[in-house]
Structures are given as C-alpha cells and as structure tokens.
Amino acid sequence: MTMLSYLTPDGQVTIPRSILKSLNITGGSDVLIEVIRGQLIIRKIEVIEAESDDPCAIAGLDTGIY
C-alpha cells in the first residue's frame, strides 16, 4: 500500500487513516522510526514480555533488515 502524505512545518507527518486501520495502529501505539540506506522506515511494534532476561524485547525487531 502506497499513499502520499506531507511533512508539516513542525516536522509531523500524518499517516493516512486507511494505513493505520490496516495495521491496527491507534493513538498511543508504539512505532519504531529508523533511517536505513537513506530511507525513513516506520514500523509498528509491540512490547512483549521476553522469555529471557532482556527487559527491552520488542516484537518486530528481528526482521534482519539493516
């Protein structure tokens, strides 16, 4: 899904409602923002309880896209 948005003078981007709905992202959802090879990447993440001792385990970070 590709849609056009714009950057406000304050540096904010509006994510189209259809994208938010398709990813089940609501106000207060956590997202990860990265710059990879010159591209801005925004990913939905979910904080999960880790089975290990890692208190910072986050679902969706093991994609290997780096």
N, C-alpha and C. Protein backbone atom coordinates (compact mmCIF):
# COMPACT_ATOMS: atom_id res chain seq x y z
N MET A 1 0.86 -1.17 0.00
CA MET A 1 0.00 0.00 0.00
C MET A 1 0.90 1.23 0.00
N THR A 2 0.71 2.10 -0.93
CA THR A 2 1.48 3.33 -1.03
C THR A 2 0.53 4.51 -1.06
N MET A 3 0.80 5.50 -0.22
CA MET A 3 -0.03 6.70 -0.17
C MET A 3 0.87 7.91 0.03
N LEU A 4 0.41 9.04 -0.41
CA LEU A 4 1.15 10.29 -0.28
C LEU A 4 0.71 11.02 0.98
N SER A 5 1.68 11.57 1.70
CA SER A 5 1.40 12.40 2.86
C SER A 5 2.34 13.59 2.78
N TYR A 6 2.35 14.43 3.79
CA TYR A 6 3.22 15.59 3.76
C TYR A 6 3.78 15.85 5.15
N LEU A 7 4.85 16.61 5.19
CA LEU A 7 5.51 16.98 6.42
C LEU A 7 5.07 18.39 6.80
N THR A 8 4.58 18.55 8.02
CA THR A 8 4.15 19.88 8.47
C THR A 8 5.38 20.72 8.82
N PRO A 9 5.21 22.03 8.94
CA PRO A 9 6.34 22.88 9.35
C PRO A 9 6.92 22.49 10.71
N ASP A 10 6.11 21.80 11.55
CA ASP A 10 6.58 21.36 12.86
C ASP A 10 7.29 20.00 12.80
N GLY A 11 7.41 19.42 11.60
CA GLY A 11 8.10 18.14 11.46
C GLY A 11 7.21 16.92 11.68
N GLN A 12 5.91 17.10 11.64
CA GLN A 12 4.98 15.98 11.85
C GLN A 12 4.47 15.46 10.51
N VAL A 13 4.23 14.15 10.48
CA VAL A 13 3.68 13.50 9.29
C VAL A 13 2.36 12.87 9.67
N THR A 14 1.34 13.07 8.84
CA THR A 14 0.06 12.41 9.06
C THR A 14 0.08 11.08 8.32
N ILE A 15 -0.16 10.00 9.06
CA ILE A 15 -0.26 8.68 8.45
C ILE A 15 -1.72 8.49 8.05
N PRO A 16 -1.98 8.20 6.78
CA PRO A 16 -3.37 8.06 6.33
C PRO A 16 -4.15 7.05 7.16
N ARG A 17 -5.40 7.38 7.44
CA ARG A 17 -6.26 6.55 8.28
C ARG A 17 -6.36 5.12 7.77
N SER A 18 -6.40 4.94 6.45
CA SER A 18 -6.53 3.58 5.89
C SER A 18 -5.31 2.73 6.24
N ILE A 19 -4.12 3.33 6.28
CA ILE A 19 -2.92 2.59 6.67
C ILE A 19 -2.96 2.26 8.16
N LEU A 20 -3.34 3.24 8.98
CA LEU A 20 -3.46 3.00 10.41
C LEU A 20 -4.43 1.85 10.69
N LYS A 21 -5.55 1.89 10.01
CA LYS A 21 -6.57 0.86 10.23
C LYS A 21 -6.08 -0.52 9.78
N SER A 22 -5.39 -0.58 8.63
CA SER A 22 -4.92 -1.87 8.13
C SER A 22 -3.86 -2.49 9.03
N LEU A 23 -3.12 -1.66 9.76
CA LEU A 23 -2.09 -2.16 10.66
C LEU A 23 -2.53 -2.20 12.12
N ASN A 24 -3.79 -1.84 12.36
CA ASN A 24 -4.34 -1.80 13.71
C ASN A 24 -3.49 -0.90 14.62
N ILE A 25 -3.13 0.28 14.10
CA ILE A 25 -2.40 1.27 14.87
C ILE A 25 -3.40 2.32 15.34
N THR A 26 -3.38 2.59 16.64
CA THR A 26 -4.28 3.59 17.22
C THR A 26 -3.45 4.62 17.98
N GLY A 27 -4.10 5.67 18.42
CA GLY A 27 -3.41 6.66 19.23
C GLY A 27 -2.76 5.99 20.43
N GLY A 28 -1.52 6.27 20.68
CA GLY A 28 -0.79 5.67 21.78
C GLY A 28 -0.02 4.41 21.40
N SER A 29 -0.20 3.94 20.16
CA SER A 29 0.55 2.76 19.71
C SER A 29 2.03 3.11 19.61
N ASP A 30 2.88 2.12 19.85
CA ASP A 30 4.32 2.32 19.71
C ASP A 30 4.74 2.06 18.27
N VAL A 31 5.60 2.92 17.74
CA VAL A 31 6.17 2.73 16.41
C VAL A 31 7.67 2.93 16.52
N LEU A 32 8.40 2.27 15.65
CA LEU A 32 9.84 2.40 15.58
C LEU A 32 10.17 3.20 14.32
N ILE A 33 11.00 4.21 14.46
CA ILE A 33 11.38 5.05 13.32
C ILE A 33 12.87 4.85 13.09
N GLU A 34 13.22 4.47 11.86
CA GLU A 34 14.61 4.21 11.51
C GLU A 34 14.95 4.88 10.19
N VAL A 35 16.22 5.14 9.99
CA VAL A 35 16.71 5.55 8.68
C VAL A 35 17.65 4.44 8.23
N ILE A 36 17.29 3.80 7.12
CA ILE A 36 18.07 2.69 6.58
C ILE A 36 18.39 2.98 5.13
N ARG A 37 19.67 3.05 4.82
CA ARG A 37 20.12 3.32 3.45
C ARG A 37 19.39 4.52 2.84
N GLY A 38 19.26 5.59 3.62
CA GLY A 38 18.67 6.82 3.12
C GLY A 38 17.16 6.83 3.06
N GLN A 39 16.50 5.79 3.60
CA GLN A 39 15.03 5.75 3.60
C GLN A 39 14.51 5.81 5.02
N LEU A 40 13.42 6.54 5.21
CA LEU A 40 12.75 6.61 6.50
C LEU A 40 11.80 5.44 6.61
N ILE A 41 11.96 4.63 7.65
CA ILE A 41 11.14 3.43 7.85
C ILE A 41 10.38 3.60 9.17
N ILE A 42 9.07 3.43 9.13
CA ILE A 42 8.24 3.46 10.34
C ILE A 42 7.59 2.10 10.46
N ARG A 43 7.83 1.43 11.59
CA ARG A 43 7.25 0.10 11.80
C ARG A 43 6.44 0.05 13.08
N LYS A 44 5.32 -0.63 13.01
CA LYS A 44 4.52 -0.88 14.21
C LYS A 44 5.29 -1.89 15.05
N ILE A 45 5.36 -1.65 16.34
CA ILE A 45 6.00 -2.60 17.23
C ILE A 45 5.07 -2.88 18.41
N GLU A 46 5.31 -3.98 19.04
CA GLU A 46 4.57 -4.33 20.25
C GLU A 46 5.59 -4.76 21.29
N VAL A 47 5.52 -4.16 22.46
CA VAL A 47 6.40 -4.56 23.54
C VAL A 47 5.84 -5.86 24.10
N ILE A 48 6.72 -6.85 24.23
CA ILE A 48 6.28 -8.16 24.73
C ILE A 48 7.10 -8.53 25.95
N GLU A 49 6.57 -9.45 26.73
CA GLU A 49 7.34 -9.97 27.85
C GLU A 49 8.29 -11.01 27.30
N ALA A 50 9.57 -10.80 27.52
CA ALA A 50 10.58 -11.70 26.98
C ALA A 50 10.69 -12.94 27.84
N GLU A 51 10.99 -14.04 27.18
CA GLU A 51 11.23 -15.27 27.92
C GLU A 51 12.64 -15.26 28.51
N SER A 52 13.48 -14.38 28.01
CA SER A 52 14.83 -14.25 28.54
C SER A 52 14.85 -13.13 29.57
N ASP A 53 16.04 -12.73 29.95
CA ASP A 53 16.20 -11.65 30.93
C ASP A 53 16.26 -10.28 30.26
N ASP A 54 15.98 -10.22 28.96
CA ASP A 54 16.06 -8.97 28.22
C ASP A 54 14.81 -8.13 28.47
N PRO A 55 14.91 -7.05 29.26
CA PRO A 55 13.73 -6.24 29.58
C PRO A 55 13.28 -5.36 28.42
N CYS A 56 14.05 -5.32 27.35
CA CYS A 56 13.75 -4.44 26.23
C CYS A 56 13.31 -5.22 24.99
N ALA A 57 12.82 -6.43 25.15
CA ALA A 57 12.42 -7.23 23.99
C ALA A 57 11.25 -6.56 23.30
N ILE A 58 11.36 -6.44 22.00
CA ILE A 58 10.32 -5.79 21.20
C ILE A 58 10.01 -6.67 20.01
N ALA A 59 8.74 -6.98 19.80
CA ALA A 59 8.33 -7.79 18.65
C ALA A 59 8.53 -6.98 17.38
N GLY A 60 9.02 -7.64 16.34
CA GLY A 60 9.17 -6.99 15.06
C GLY A 60 10.55 -6.44 14.79
N LEU A 61 11.47 -6.59 15.71
CA LEU A 61 12.82 -6.06 15.50
C LEU A 61 13.77 -7.11 14.95
N ASP A 62 13.31 -8.33 14.78
CA ASP A 62 14.20 -9.40 14.32
C ASP A 62 14.03 -9.67 12.83
N THR A 63 13.70 -8.65 12.06
CA THR A 63 13.45 -8.84 10.63
C THR A 63 14.73 -8.97 9.82
N GLY A 64 15.86 -8.55 10.36
CA GLY A 64 17.11 -8.64 9.65
C GLY A 64 17.29 -7.61 8.54
N ILE A 65 16.46 -6.58 8.51
CA ILE A 65 16.59 -5.52 7.51
C ILE A 65 17.47 -4.42 8.08
N TYR A 66 18.76 -4.46 7.80
CA TYR A 66 19.68 -3.45 8.31
C TYR A 66 20.74 -3.19 7.34
